[in-house]
Amino acid sequence: QCKDLVTTSNGNVVISLTPLLEMLIFDVVREDPNNKNIRIWILAS
């Protein structure tokens, strides 16, 4: 349904997703592993 500005592969965009996700959630989980809001933060990230 969509049109790419730059041609990409499925593996390429998934590889782009993983480091961005890790960057967003790592600091929060490391600072307080028992925080009850971590699950919600992972979902939003």
PDB file of all heavy atoms in Angstrom:
ATOM      1  N   GLN A   1       0.796  -1.227   0.000  1.00  0.00           N
ATOM      2  CA  GLN A   1       0.000   0.000   0.000  1.00  0.00           C
ATOM      3  C   GLN A   1       0.831   1.280   0.000  1.00  0.00           C
ATOM      4  O   GLN A   1       0.279   2.355  -0.230  1.00  0.00           O
ATOM      5  CB  GLN A   1      -0.928   0.021   1.234  1.00  0.00           C
ATOM      6  CG  GLN A   1      -1.834  -1.186   1.369  1.00  0.00           C
ATOM      7  CD  GLN A   1      -2.872  -1.249   0.274  1.00  0.00           C
ATOM      8  OE1 GLN A   1      -3.253  -0.232  -0.300  1.00  0.00           O
ATOM      9  NE2 GLN A   1      -3.339  -2.459  -0.031  1.00  0.00           N
ATOM     10  N   CYS A   2       2.127   1.178   0.267  1.00  0.00           N
ATOM     11  CA  CYS A   2       2.951   2.378   0.430  1.00  0.00           C
ATOM     12  C   CYS A   2       4.006   2.464  -0.668  1.00  0.00           C
ATOM     13  O   CYS A   2       4.317   1.481  -1.326  1.00  0.00           O
ATOM     14  CB  CYS A   2       3.630   2.389   1.804  1.00  0.00           C
ATOM     15  SG  CYS A   2       2.477   2.346   3.193  1.00  0.00           S
ATOM     16  N   LYS A   3       4.560   3.648  -0.793  1.00  0.00           N
ATOM     17  CA  LYS A   3       5.609   3.908  -1.780  1.00  0.00           C
ATOM     18  C   LYS A   3       6.871   4.346  -1.059  1.00  0.00           C
ATOM     19  O   LYS A   3       6.838   5.298  -0.263  1.00  0.00           O
ATOM     20  CB  LYS A   3       5.155   4.987  -2.766  1.00  0.00           C
ATOM     21  CG  LYS A   3       6.189   5.298  -3.834  1.00  0.00           C
ATOM     22  CD  LYS A   3       5.676   6.363  -4.796  1.00  0.00           C
ATOM     23  CE  LYS A   3       6.732   6.681  -5.859  1.00  0.00           C
ATOM     24  NZ  LYS A   3       6.245   7.735  -6.802  1.00  0.00           N
ATOM     25  N   ASP A   4       7.977   3.671  -1.326  1.00  0.00           N
ATOM     26  CA  ASP A   4       9.248   4.002  -0.688  1.00  0.00           C
ATOM     27  C   ASP A   4       9.914   5.173  -1.402  1.00  0.00           C
ATOM     28  O   ASP A   4       9.929   5.247  -2.639  1.00  0.00           O
ATOM     29  CB  ASP A   4      10.213   2.812  -0.733  1.00  0.00           C
ATOM     30  CG  ASP A   4       9.799   1.707   0.217  1.00  0.00           C
ATOM     31  OD1 ASP A   4       8.965   1.992   1.082  1.00  0.00           O
ATOM     32  OD2 ASP A   4      10.311   0.590   0.088  1.00  0.00           O
ATOM     33  N   LEU A   5      10.478   6.096  -0.611  1.00  0.00           N
ATOM     34  CA  LEU A   5      11.329   7.125  -1.195  1.00  0.00           C
ATOM     35  C   LEU A   5      12.675   6.525  -1.610  1.00  0.00           C
ATOM     36  O   LEU A   5      13.250   6.895  -2.625  1.00  0.00           O
ATOM     37  CB  LEU A   5      11.552   8.260  -0.184  1.00  0.00           C
ATOM     38  CG  LEU A   5      10.340   9.166   0.083  1.00  0.00           C
ATOM     39  CD1 LEU A   5      10.640  10.131   1.213  1.00  0.00           C
ATOM     40  CD2 LEU A   5       9.957   9.933  -1.171  1.00  0.00           C
ATOM     41  N   VAL A   6      13.176   5.622  -0.788  1.00  0.00           N
ATOM     42  CA  VAL A   6      14.400   4.884  -1.081  1.00  0.00           C
ATOM     43  C   VAL A   6      14.084   3.398  -0.966  1.00  0.00           C
ATOM     44  O   VAL A   6      13.459   2.974   0.013  1.00  0.00           O
ATOM     45  CB  VAL A   6      15.537   5.264  -0.105  1.00  0.00           C
ATOM     46  CG1 VAL A   6      16.786   4.450  -0.405  1.00  0.00           C
ATOM     47  CG2 VAL A   6      15.841   6.748  -0.190  1.00  0.00           C
ATOM     48  N   THR A   7      14.488   2.619  -1.944  1.00  0.00           N
ATOM     49  CA  THR A   7      14.180   1.186  -1.942  1.00  0.00           C
ATOM     50  C   THR A   7      14.843   0.506  -0.752  1.00  0.00           C
ATOM     51  O   THR A   7      16.041   0.676  -0.509  1.00  0.00           O
ATOM     52  CB  THR A   7      14.664   0.534  -3.243  1.00  0.00           C
ATOM     53  OG1 THR A   7      14.061   1.194  -4.350  1.00  0.00           O
ATOM     54  CG2 THR A   7      14.294  -0.947  -3.262  1.00  0.00           C
ATOM     55  N   THR A   8      14.075  -0.252  -0.008  1.00  0.00           N
ATOM     56  CA  THR A   8      14.572  -0.966   1.162  1.00  0.00           C
ATOM     57  C   THR A   8      14.118  -2.413   1.105  1.00  0.00           C
ATOM     58  O   THR A   8      13.178  -2.763   0.389  1.00  0.00           O
ATOM     59  CB  THR A   8      14.055  -0.330   2.471  1.00  0.00           C
ATOM     60  OG1 THR A   8      12.616  -0.344   2.467  1.00  0.00           O
ATOM     61  CG2 THR A   8      14.539   1.096   2.621  1.00  0.00           C
ATOM     62  N   SER A   9      14.790  -3.244   1.882  1.00  0.00           N
ATOM     63  CA  SER A   9      14.383  -4.637   2.042  1.00  0.00           C
ATOM     64  C   SER A   9      13.771  -4.813   3.430  1.00  0.00           C
ATOM     65  O   SER A   9      13.939  -3.963   4.305  1.00  0.00           O
ATOM     66  CB  SER A   9      15.580  -5.574   1.867  1.00  0.00           C
ATOM     67  OG  SER A   9      16.535  -5.345   2.891  1.00  0.00           O
ATOM     68  N   ASN A  10      13.078  -5.918   3.630  1.00  0.00           N
ATOM     69  CA  ASN A  10      12.472  -6.179   4.933  1.00  0.00           C
ATOM     70  C   ASN A  10      13.532  -6.267   6.029  1.00  0.00           C
ATOM     71  O   ASN A  10      13.368  -5.735   7.124  1.00  0.00           O
ATOM     72  CB  ASN A  10      11.655  -7.463   4.885  1.00  0.00           C
ATOM     73  CG  ASN A  10      10.391  -7.313   4.058  1.00  0.00           C
ATOM     74  OD1 ASN A  10      10.031  -6.202   3.659  1.00  0.00           O
ATOM     75  ND2 ASN A  10       9.715  -8.410   3.798  1.00  0.00           N
ATOM     76  N   GLY A  11      14.629  -6.958   5.741  1.00  0.00           N
ATOM     77  CA  GLY A  11      15.696  -7.059   6.726  1.00  0.00           C
ATOM     78  C   GLY A  11      16.300  -5.715   7.057  1.00  0.00           C
ATOM     79  O   GLY A  11      16.659  -5.439   8.208  1.00  0.00           O
ATOM     80  N   ASN A  12      16.389  -4.842   6.053  1.00  0.00           N
ATOM     81  CA  ASN A  12      16.982  -3.528   6.263  1.00  0.00           C
ATOM     82  C   ASN A  12      16.171  -2.687   7.242  1.00  0.00           C
ATOM     83  O   ASN A  12      16.730  -2.069   8.154  1.00  0.00           O
ATOM     84  CB  ASN A  12      17.110  -2.823   4.920  1.00  0.00           C
ATOM     85  CG  ASN A  12      17.877  -1.526   5.006  1.00  0.00           C
ATOM     86  OD1 ASN A  12      17.451  -0.505   4.484  1.00  0.00           O
ATOM     87  ND2 ASN A  12      19.023  -1.549   5.657  1.00  0.00           N
ATOM     88  N   VAL A  13      14.836  -2.650   7.075  1.00  0.00           N
ATOM     89  CA  VAL A  13      14.015  -1.821   7.956  1.00  0.00           C
ATOM     90  C   VAL A  13      13.910  -2.434   9.352  1.00  0.00           C
ATOM     91  O   VAL A  13      13.815  -1.707  10.349  1.00  0.00           O
ATOM     92  CB  VAL A  13      12.614  -1.590   7.351  1.00  0.00           C
ATOM     93  CG1 VAL A  13      12.708  -0.733   6.104  1.00  0.00           C
ATOM     94  CG2 VAL A  13      11.915  -2.896   7.036  1.00  0.00           C
ATOM     95  N   VAL A  14      13.942  -3.764   9.456  1.00  0.00           N
ATOM     96  CA  VAL A  14      13.913  -4.390  10.784  1.00  0.00           C
ATOM     97  C   VAL A  14      15.216  -4.115  11.522  1.00  0.00           C
ATOM     98  O   VAL A  14      15.217  -3.845  12.730  1.00  0.00           O
ATOM     99  CB  VAL A  14      13.653  -5.906  10.657  1.00  0.00           C
ATOM    100  CG1 VAL A  14      13.836  -6.596  12.002  1.00  0.00           C
ATOM    101  CG2 VAL A  14      12.239  -6.161  10.140  1.00  0.00           C
ATOM    102  N   ILE A  15      16.343  -4.148  10.810  1.00  0.00           N
ATOM    103  CA  ILE A  15      17.624  -3.804  11.420  1.00  0.00           C
ATOM    104  C   ILE A  15      17.642  -2.341  11.858  1.00  0.00           C
ATOM    105  O   ILE A  15      18.304  -1.974  12.829  1.00  0.00           O
ATOM    106  CB  ILE A  15      18.778  -4.093  10.437  1.00  0.00           C
ATOM    107  CG1 ILE A  15      19.000  -5.600  10.321  1.00  0.00           C
ATOM    108  CG2 ILE A  15      20.070  -3.432  10.863  1.00  0.00           C
ATOM    109  CD1 ILE A  15      19.488  -6.256  11.595  1.00  0.00           C
ATOM    110  N   SER A  16      16.907  -1.476  11.173  1.00  0.00           N
ATOM    111  CA  SER A  16      16.794  -0.080  11.594  1.00  0.00           C
ATOM    112  C   SER A  16      15.950   0.050  12.860  1.00  0.00           C
ATOM    113  O   SER A  16      16.159   0.954  13.668  1.00  0.00           O
ATOM    114  CB  SER A  16      16.173   0.765  10.472  1.00  0.00           C
ATOM    115  OG  SER A  16      16.961   0.724   9.305  1.00  0.00           O
ATOM    116  N   LEU A  17      14.991  -0.852  13.022  1.00  0.00           N
ATOM    117  CA  LEU A  17      14.109  -0.808  14.191  1.00  0.00           C
ATOM    118  C   LEU A  17      14.836  -1.194  15.477  1.00  0.00           C
ATOM    119  O   LEU A  17      14.665  -0.546  16.514  1.00  0.00           O
ATOM    120  CB  LEU A  17      12.915  -1.727  13.948  1.00  0.00           C
ATOM    121  CG  LEU A  17      11.762  -1.757  14.950  1.00  0.00           C
ATOM    122  CD1 LEU A  17      10.492  -2.256  14.259  1.00  0.00           C
ATOM    123  CD2 LEU A  17      12.028  -2.623  16.171  1.00  0.00           C
ATOM    124  N   THR A  18      15.658  -2.230  15.415  1.00  0.00           N
ATOM    125  CA  THR A  18      16.217  -2.794  16.648  1.00  0.00           C
ATOM    126  C   THR A  18      17.149  -1.853  17.417  1.00  0.00           C
ATOM    127  O   THR A  18      17.001  -1.732  18.636  1.00  0.00           O
ATOM    128  CB  THR A  18      16.933  -4.120  16.335  1.00  0.00           C
ATOM    129  OG1 THR A  18      17.840  -3.943  15.245  1.00  0.00           O
ATOM    130  CG2 THR A  18      15.917  -5.183  15.966  1.00  0.00           C
ATOM    131  N   PRO A  19      18.116  -1.171  16.795  1.00  0.00           N
ATOM    132  CA  PRO A  19      18.967  -0.282  17.597  1.00  0.00           C
ATOM    133  C   PRO A  19      18.214   0.912  18.154  1.00  0.00           C
ATOM    134  O   PRO A  19      18.533   1.400  19.256  1.00  0.00           O
ATOM    135  CB  PRO A  19      20.062   0.155  16.615  1.00  0.00           C
ATOM    136  CG  PRO A  19      19.494  -0.045  15.271  1.00  0.00           C
ATOM    137  CD  PRO A  19      18.545  -1.195  15.389  1.00  0.00           C
ATOM    138  N   LEU A  20      17.213   1.406  17.415  1.00  0.00           N
ATOM    139  CA  LEU A  20      16.406   2.522  17.916  1.00  0.00           C
ATOM    140  C   LEU A  20      15.620   2.100  19.147  1.00  0.00           C
ATOM    141  O   LEU A  20      15.560   2.823  20.151  1.00  0.00           O
ATOM    142  CB  LEU A  20      15.470   2.999  16.803  1.00  0.00           C
ATOM    143  CG  LEU A  20      14.572   4.202  17.120  1.00  0.00           C
ATOM    144  CD1 LEU A  20      15.411   5.411  17.501  1.00  0.00           C
ATOM    145  CD2 LEU A  20      13.691   4.530  15.919  1.00  0.00           C
ATOM    146  N   LEU A  21      15.051   0.901  19.097  1.00  0.00           N
ATOM    147  CA  LEU A  21      14.303   0.383  20.243  1.00  0.00           C
ATOM    148  C   LEU A  21      15.227   0.164  21.439  1.00  0.00           C
ATOM    149  O   LEU A  21      14.881   0.532  22.577  1.00  0.00           O
ATOM    150  CB  LEU A  21      13.617  -0.924  19.845  1.00  0.00           C
ATOM    151  CG  LEU A  21      12.865  -1.671  20.941  1.00  0.00           C
ATOM    152  CD1 LEU A  21      11.747  -0.821  21.511  1.00  0.00           C
ATOM    153  CD2 LEU A  21      12.318  -2.993  20.404  1.00  0.00           C
ATOM    154  N   GLU A  22      16.392  -0.424  21.204  1.00  0.00           N
ATOM    155  CA  GLU A  22      17.328  -0.680  22.303  1.00  0.00           C
ATOM    156  C   GLU A  22      17.769   0.615  22.960  1.00  0.00           C
ATOM    157  O   GLU A  22      17.882   0.708  24.185  1.00  0.00           O
ATOM    158  CB  GLU A  22      18.541  -1.438  21.776  1.00  0.00           C
ATOM    159  CG  GLU A  22      19.558  -1.804  22.857  1.00  0.00           C
ATOM    160  CD  GLU A  22      20.708  -2.605  22.307  1.00  0.00           C
ATOM    161  OE1 GLU A  22      20.624  -3.058  21.145  1.00  0.00           O
ATOM    162  OE2 GLU A  22      21.714  -2.789  23.032  1.00  0.00           O
ATOM    163  N   MET A  23      18.014   1.641  22.170  1.00  0.00           N
ATOM    164  CA  MET A  23      18.440   2.923  22.708  1.00  0.00           C
ATOM    165  C   MET A  23      17.366   3.540  23.599  1.00  0.00           C
ATOM    166  O   MET A  23      17.661   4.142  24.646  1.00  0.00           O
ATOM    167  CB  MET A  23      18.789   3.861  21.555  1.00  0.00           C
ATOM    168  CG  MET A  23      19.249   5.256  21.965  1.00  0.00           C
ATOM    169  SD  MET A  23      17.875   6.442  22.089  1.00  0.00           S
ATOM    170  CE  MET A  23      17.301   6.505  20.406  1.00  0.00           C
ATOM    171  N   LEU A  24      16.087   3.386  23.226  1.00  0.00           N
ATOM    172  CA  LEU A  24      15.006   4.000  23.980  1.00  0.00           C
ATOM    173  C   LEU A  24      14.735   3.295  25.303  1.00  0.00           C
ATOM    174  O   LEU A  24      14.370   3.945  26.296  1.00  0.00           O
ATOM    175  CB  LEU A  24      13.728   4.008  23.127  1.00  0.00           C
ATOM    176  CG  LEU A  24      13.716   4.949  21.921  1.00  0.00           C
ATOM    177  CD1 LEU A  24      12.470   4.712  21.080  1.00  0.00           C
ATOM    178  CD2 LEU A  24      13.771   6.401  22.373  1.00  0.00           C
ATOM    179  N   ILE A  25      14.885   1.968  25.337  1.00  0.00           N
ATOM    180  CA  ILE A  25      14.462   1.233  26.532  1.00  0.00           C
ATOM    181  C   ILE A  25      15.604   0.881  27.471  1.00  0.00           C
ATOM    182  O   ILE A  25      15.370   0.603  28.650  1.00  0.00           O
ATOM    183  CB  ILE A  25      13.707  -0.059  26.140  1.00  0.00           C
ATOM    184  CG1 ILE A  25      14.627  -1.024  25.383  1.00  0.00           C
ATOM    185  CG2 ILE A  25      12.476   0.270  25.327  1.00  0.00           C
ATOM    186  CD1 ILE A  25      13.947  -2.326  25.000  1.00  0.00           C
ATOM    187  N   PHE A  26      16.861   0.896  26.989  1.00  0.00           N
ATOM    188  CA  PHE A  26      17.948   0.377  27.817  1.00  0.00           C
ATOM    189  C   PHE A  26      18.177   1.223  29.063  1.00  0.00           C
ATOM    190  O   PHE A  26      18.284   0.706  30.176  1.00  0.00           O
ATOM    191  CB  PHE A  26      19.238   0.285  27.005  1.00  0.00           C
ATOM    192  CG  PHE A  26      20.427  -0.136  27.831  1.00  0.00           C
ATOM    193  CD1 PHE A  26      20.432  -1.349  28.502  1.00  0.00           C
ATOM    194  CD2 PHE A  26      21.520   0.695  27.977  1.00  0.00           C
ATOM    195  CE1 PHE A  26      21.514  -1.740  29.274  1.00  0.00           C
ATOM    196  CE2 PHE A  26      22.606   0.320  28.740  1.00  0.00           C
ATOM    197  CZ  PHE A  26      22.608  -0.895  29.390  1.00  0.00           C
ATOM    198  N   ASP A  27      18.256   2.535  28.904  1.00  0.00           N
ATOM    199  CA  ASP A  27      18.555   3.395  30.053  1.00  0.00           C
ATOM    200  C   ASP A  27      17.469   3.298  31.124  1.00  0.00           C
ATOM    201  O   ASP A  27      17.764   3.294  32.323  1.00  0.00           O
ATOM    202  CB  ASP A  27      18.703   4.851  29.598  1.00  0.00           C
ATOM    203  CG  ASP A  27      19.998   5.087  28.842  1.00  0.00           C
ATOM    204  OD1 ASP A  27      20.925   4.268  29.007  1.00  0.00           O
ATOM    205  OD2 ASP A  27      20.074   6.058  28.079  1.00  0.00           O
ATOM    206  N   VAL A  28      16.210   3.223  30.686  1.00  0.00           N
ATOM    207  CA  VAL A  28      15.113   3.148  31.655  1.00  0.00           C
ATOM    208  C   VAL A  28      15.175   1.843  32.447  1.00  0.00           C
ATOM    209  O   VAL A  28      15.035   1.819  33.670  1.00  0.00           O
ATOM    210  CB  VAL A  28      13.760   3.268  30.920  1.00  0.00           C
ATOM    211  CG1 VAL A  28      12.606   3.109  31.902  1.00  0.00           C
ATOM    212  CG2 VAL A  28      13.670   4.611  30.215  1.00  0.00           C
ATOM    213  N   VAL A  29      15.421   0.733  31.766  1.00  0.00           N
ATOM    214  CA  VAL A  29      15.481  -0.566  32.435  1.00  0.00           C
ATOM    215  C   VAL A  29      16.717  -0.650  33.334  1.00  0.00           C
ATOM    216  O   VAL A  29      16.667  -1.210  34.441  1.00  0.00           O
ATOM    217  CB  VAL A  29      15.496  -1.698  31.395  1.00  0.00           C
ATOM    218  CG1 VAL A  29      15.672  -3.049  32.062  1.00  0.00           C
ATOM    219  CG2 VAL A  29      14.210  -1.681  30.580  1.00  0.00           C
ATOM    220  N   ARG A  30      17.827  -0.083  32.913  1.00  0.00           N
ATOM    221  CA  ARG A  30      19.053  -0.157  33.704  1.00  0.00           C
ATOM    222  C   ARG A  30      18.934   0.654  34.988  1.00  0.00           C
ATOM    223  O   ARG A  30      19.419   0.234  36.048  1.00  0.00           O
ATOM    224  CB  ARG A  30      20.230   0.352  32.866  1.00  0.00           C
ATOM    225  CG  ARG A  30      21.568   0.298  33.585  1.00  0.00           C
ATOM    226  CD  ARG A  30      22.672   0.842  32.715  1.00  0.00           C
ATOM    227  NE  ARG A  30      22.391   2.225  32.318  1.00  0.00           N
ATOM    228  CZ  ARG A  30      23.182   2.952  31.542  1.00  0.00           C
ATOM    229  NH1 ARG A  30      24.278   2.412  31.041  1.00  0.00           N
ATOM    230  NH2 ARG A  30      22.863   4.197  31.231  1.00  0.00           N
ATOM    231  N   GLU A  31      18.300   1.814  34.933  1.00  0.00           N
ATOM    232  CA  GLU A  31      18.207   2.672  36.116  1.00  0.00           C
ATOM    233  C   GLU A  31      17.314   2.063  37.189  1.00  0.00           C
ATOM    234  O   GLU A  31      17.622   2.142  38.379  1.00  0.00           O
ATOM    235  CB  GLU A  31      17.677   4.046  35.707  1.00  0.00           C
ATOM    236  CG  GLU A  31      18.673   4.849  34.863  1.00  0.00           C
ATOM    237  CD  GLU A  31      18.058   6.135  34.344  1.00  0.00           C
ATOM    238  OE1 GLU A  31      16.872   6.387  34.682  1.00  0.00           O
ATOM    239  OE2 GLU A  31      18.735   6.866  33.605  1.00  0.00           O
ATOM    240  N   ASP A  32      16.224   1.459  36.794  1.00  0.00           N
ATOM    241  CA  ASP A  32      15.298   0.891  37.783  1.00  0.00           C
ATOM    242  C   ASP A  32      14.649  -0.361  37.194  1.00  0.00           C
ATOM    243  O   ASP A  32      13.562  -0.309  36.618  1.00  0.00           O
ATOM    244  CB  ASP A  32      14.228   1.929  38.163  1.00  0.00           C
ATOM    245  CG  ASP A  32      13.340   1.440  39.302  1.00  0.00           C
ATOM    246  OD1 ASP A  32      13.617   0.350  39.856  1.00  0.00           O
ATOM    247  OD2 ASP A  32      12.372   2.143  39.654  1.00  0.00           O
ATOM    248  N   PRO A  33      15.308  -1.526  37.345  1.00  0.00           N
ATOM    249  CA  PRO A  33      14.770  -2.761  36.748  1.00  0.00           C
ATOM    250  C   PRO A  33      13.407  -3.165  37.286  1.00  0.00           C
ATOM    251  O   PRO A  33      12.683  -3.913  36.636  1.00  0.00           O
ATOM    252  CB  PRO A  33      15.838  -3.813  37.090  1.00  0.00           C
ATOM    253  CG  PRO A  33      17.072  -3.029  37.403  1.00  0.00           C
ATOM    254  CD  PRO A  33      16.604  -1.749  38.001  1.00  0.00           C
ATOM    255  N   ASN A  34      13.061  -2.690  38.485  1.00  0.00           N
ATOM    256  CA  ASN A  34      11.799  -3.099  39.103  1.00  0.00           C
ATOM    257  C   ASN A  34      10.686  -2.067  38.928  1.00  0.00           C
ATOM    258  O   ASN A  34       9.631  -2.184  39.548  1.00  0.00           O
ATOM    259  CB  ASN A  34      12.023  -3.345  40.601  1.00  0.00           C
ATOM    260  CG  ASN A  34      13.012  -4.472  40.853  1.00  0.00           C
ATOM    261  OD1 ASN A  34      12.977  -5.499  40.170  1.00  0.00           O
ATOM    262  ND2 ASN A  34      13.905  -4.282  41.814  1.00  0.00           N
ATOM    263  N   ASN A  35      10.910  -1.080  38.110  1.00  0.00           N
ATOM    264  CA  ASN A  35       9.895  -0.058  37.879  1.00  0.00           C
ATOM    265  C   ASN A  35       8.649  -0.693  37.256  1.00  0.00           C
ATOM    266  O   ASN A  35       8.739  -1.406  36.257  1.00  0.00           O
ATOM    267  CB  ASN A  35      10.465   1.030  36.965  1.00  0.00           C
ATOM    268  CG  ASN A  35       9.549   2.249  36.888  1.00  0.00           C
ATOM    269  OD1 ASN A  35       8.336   2.148  36.986  1.00  0.00           O
ATOM    270  ND2 ASN A  35      10.163   3.407  36.705  1.00  0.00           N
ATOM    271  N   LYS A  36       7.504  -0.419  37.845  1.00  0.00           N
ATOM    272  CA  LYS A  36       6.277  -1.056  37.366  1.00  0.00           C
ATOM    273  C   LYS A  36       5.821  -0.506  36.010  1.00  0.00           C
ATOM    274  O   LYS A  36       4.951  -1.089  35.359  1.00  0.00           O
ATOM    275  CB  LYS A  36       5.158  -0.879  38.393  1.00  0.00           C
ATOM    276  CG  LYS A  36       4.771   0.586  38.629  1.00  0.00           C
ATOM    277  CD  LYS A  36       3.658   0.693  39.665  1.00  0.00           C
ATOM    278  CE  LYS A  36       3.260   2.162  39.885  1.00  0.00           C
ATOM    279  NZ  LYS A  36       2.183   2.275  40.903  1.00  0.00           N
ATOM    280  N   ASN A  37       6.404   0.623  35.595  1.00  0.00           N
ATOM    281  CA  ASN A  37       6.011   1.221  34.317  1.00  0.00           C
ATOM    282  C   ASN A  37       6.910   0.808  33.155  1.00  0.00           C
ATOM    283  O   ASN A  37       6.754   1.316  32.053  1.00  0.00           O
ATOM    284  CB  ASN A  37       6.023   2.756  34.427  1.00  0.00           C
ATOM    285  CG  ASN A  37       4.974   3.270  35.405  1.00  0.00           C
ATOM    286  OD1 ASN A  37       3.851   2.761  35.444  1.00  0.00           O
ATOM    287  ND2 ASN A  37       5.333   4.262  36.201  1.00  0.00           N
ATOM    288  N   ILE A  38       7.854  -0.088  33.415  1.00  0.00           N
ATOM    289  CA  ILE A  38       8.781  -0.485  32.348  1.00  0.00           C
ATOM    290  C   ILE A  38       8.030  -1.148  31.195  1.00  0.00           C
ATOM    291  O   ILE A  38       8.329  -0.921  30.019  1.00  0.00           O
ATOM    292  CB  ILE A  38       9.856  -1.434  32.913  1.00  0.00           C
ATOM    293  CG1 ILE A  38      10.857  -0.631  33.754  1.00  0.00           C
ATOM    294  CG2 ILE A  38      10.586  -2.152  31.779  1.00  0.00           C
ATOM    295  CD1 ILE A  38      11.955  -1.474  34.350  1.00  0.00           C
ATOM    296  N   ARG A  39       7.051  -1.961  31.531  1.00  0.00           N
ATOM    297  CA  ARG A  39       6.300  -2.651  30.483  1.00  0.00           C
ATOM    298  C   ARG A  39       5.625  -1.653  29.539  1.00  0.00           C
ATOM    299  O   ARG A  39       5.684  -1.801  28.315  1.00  0.00           O
ATOM    300  CB  ARG A  39       5.263  -3.562  31.136  1.00  0.00           C
ATOM    301  CG  ARG A  39       4.483  -4.427  30.163  1.00  0.00           C
ATOM    302  CD  ARG A  39       3.471  -5.257  30.934  1.00  0.00           C
ATOM    303  NE  ARG A  39       2.715  -6.107  30.030  1.00  0.00           N
ATOM    304  CZ  ARG A  39       3.093  -7.303  29.627  1.00  0.00           C
ATOM    305  NH1 ARG A  39       4.258  -7.787  30.024  1.00  0.00           N
ATOM    306  NH2 ARG A  39       2.335  -8.014  28.837  1.00  0.00           N
ATOM    307  N   ILE A  40       5.007  -0.629  30.126  1.00  0.00           N
ATOM    308  CA  ILE A  40       4.355   0.390  29.310  1.00  0.00           C
ATOM    309  C   ILE A  40       5.382   1.148  28.481  1.00  0.00           C
ATOM    310  O   ILE A  40       5.153   1.487  27.318  1.00  0.00           O
ATOM    311  CB  ILE A  40       3.560   1.364  30.197  1.00  0.00           C
ATOM    312  CG1 ILE A  40       2.565   0.591  31.079  1.00  0.00           C
ATOM    313  CG2 ILE A  40       2.829   2.390  29.346  1.00  0.00           C
ATOM    314  CD1 ILE A  40       1.560  -0.218  30.311  1.00  0.00           C
ATOM    315  N   TRP A  41       6.553   1.407  29.064  1.00  0.00           N
ATOM    316  CA  TRP A  41       7.596   2.132  28.345  1.00  0.00           C
ATOM    317  C   TRP A  41       8.102   1.313  27.142  1.00  0.00           C
ATOM    318  O   TRP A  41       8.367   1.862  26.080  1.00  0.00           O
ATOM    319  CB  TRP A  41       8.743   2.464  29.289  1.00  0.00           C
ATOM    320  CG  TRP A  41       9.856   3.218  28.633  1.00  0.00           C
ATOM    321  CD1 TRP A  41      11.048   2.737  28.218  1.00  0.00           C
ATOM    322  CD2 TRP A  41       9.846   4.604  28.257  1.00  0.00           C
ATOM    323  NE1 TRP A  41      11.801   3.713  27.637  1.00  0.00           N
ATOM    324  CE2 TRP A  41      11.093   4.873  27.645  1.00  0.00           C
ATOM    325  CE3 TRP A  41       8.910   5.628  28.397  1.00  0.00           C
ATOM    326  CZ2 TRP A  41      11.413   6.132  27.157  1.00  0.00           C
ATOM    327  CZ3 TRP A  41       9.243   6.885  27.912  1.00  0.00           C
ATOM    328  CH2 TRP A  41      10.472   7.124  27.307  1.00  0.00           C
ATOM    329  N   ILE A  42       8.229  -0.007  27.322  1.00  0.00           N
ATOM    330  CA  ILE A  42       8.659  -0.861  26.214  1.00  0.00           C
ATOM    331  C   ILE A  42       7.626  -0.829  25.092  1.00  0.00           C
ATOM    332  O   ILE A  42       7.978  -0.743  23.903  1.00  0.00           O
ATOM    333  CB  ILE A  42       8.889  -2.309  26.706  1.00  0.00           C
ATOM    334  CG1 ILE A  42      10.118  -2.361  27.635  1.00  0.00           C
ATOM    335  CG2 ILE A  42       9.088  -3.258  25.533  1.00  0.00           C
ATOM    336  CD1 ILE A  42      10.371  -3.727  28.227  1.00  0.00           C
ATOM    337  N   LEU A  43       6.349  -0.873  25.453  1.00  0.00           N
ATOM    338  CA  LEU A  43       5.298  -0.824  24.440  1.00  0.00           C
ATOM    339  C   LEU A  43       5.350   0.483  23.655  1.00  0.00           C
ATOM    340  O   LEU A  43       5.289   0.500  22.423  1.00  0.00           O
ATOM    341  CB  LEU A  43       3.931  -0.978  25.100  1.00  0.00           C
ATOM    342  CG  LEU A  43       3.642  -2.297  25.823  1.00  0.00           C
ATOM    343  CD1 LEU A  43       2.314  -2.226  26.561  1.00  0.00           C
ATOM    344  CD2 LEU A  43       3.644  -3.446  24.851  1.00  0.00           C
ATOM    345  N   ALA A  44       5.464   1.591  24.376  1.00  0.00           N
ATOM    346  CA  ALA A  44       5.500   2.897  23.714  1.00  0.00           C
ATOM    347  C   ALA A  44       6.759   3.045  22.863  1.00  0.00           C
ATOM    348  O   ALA A  44       6.705   3.579  21.748  1.00  0.00           O
ATOM    349  CB  ALA A  44       5.433   4.004  24.769  1.00  0.00           C
ATOM    350  N   SER A  45       7.882   2.569  23.367  1.00  0.00           N
ATOM    351  CA  SER A  45       9.136   2.661  22.615  1.00  0.00           C
ATOM    352  C   SER A  45       9.075   1.829  21.348  1.00  0.00           C
ATOM    353  O   SER A  45       9.588   2.219  20.297  1.00  0.00           O
ATOM    354  CB  SER A  45      10.307   2.206  23.493  1.00  0.00           C
ATOM    355  OG  SER A  45      10.439   3.016  24.637  1.00  0.00           O
TER     356      SER A  45
END
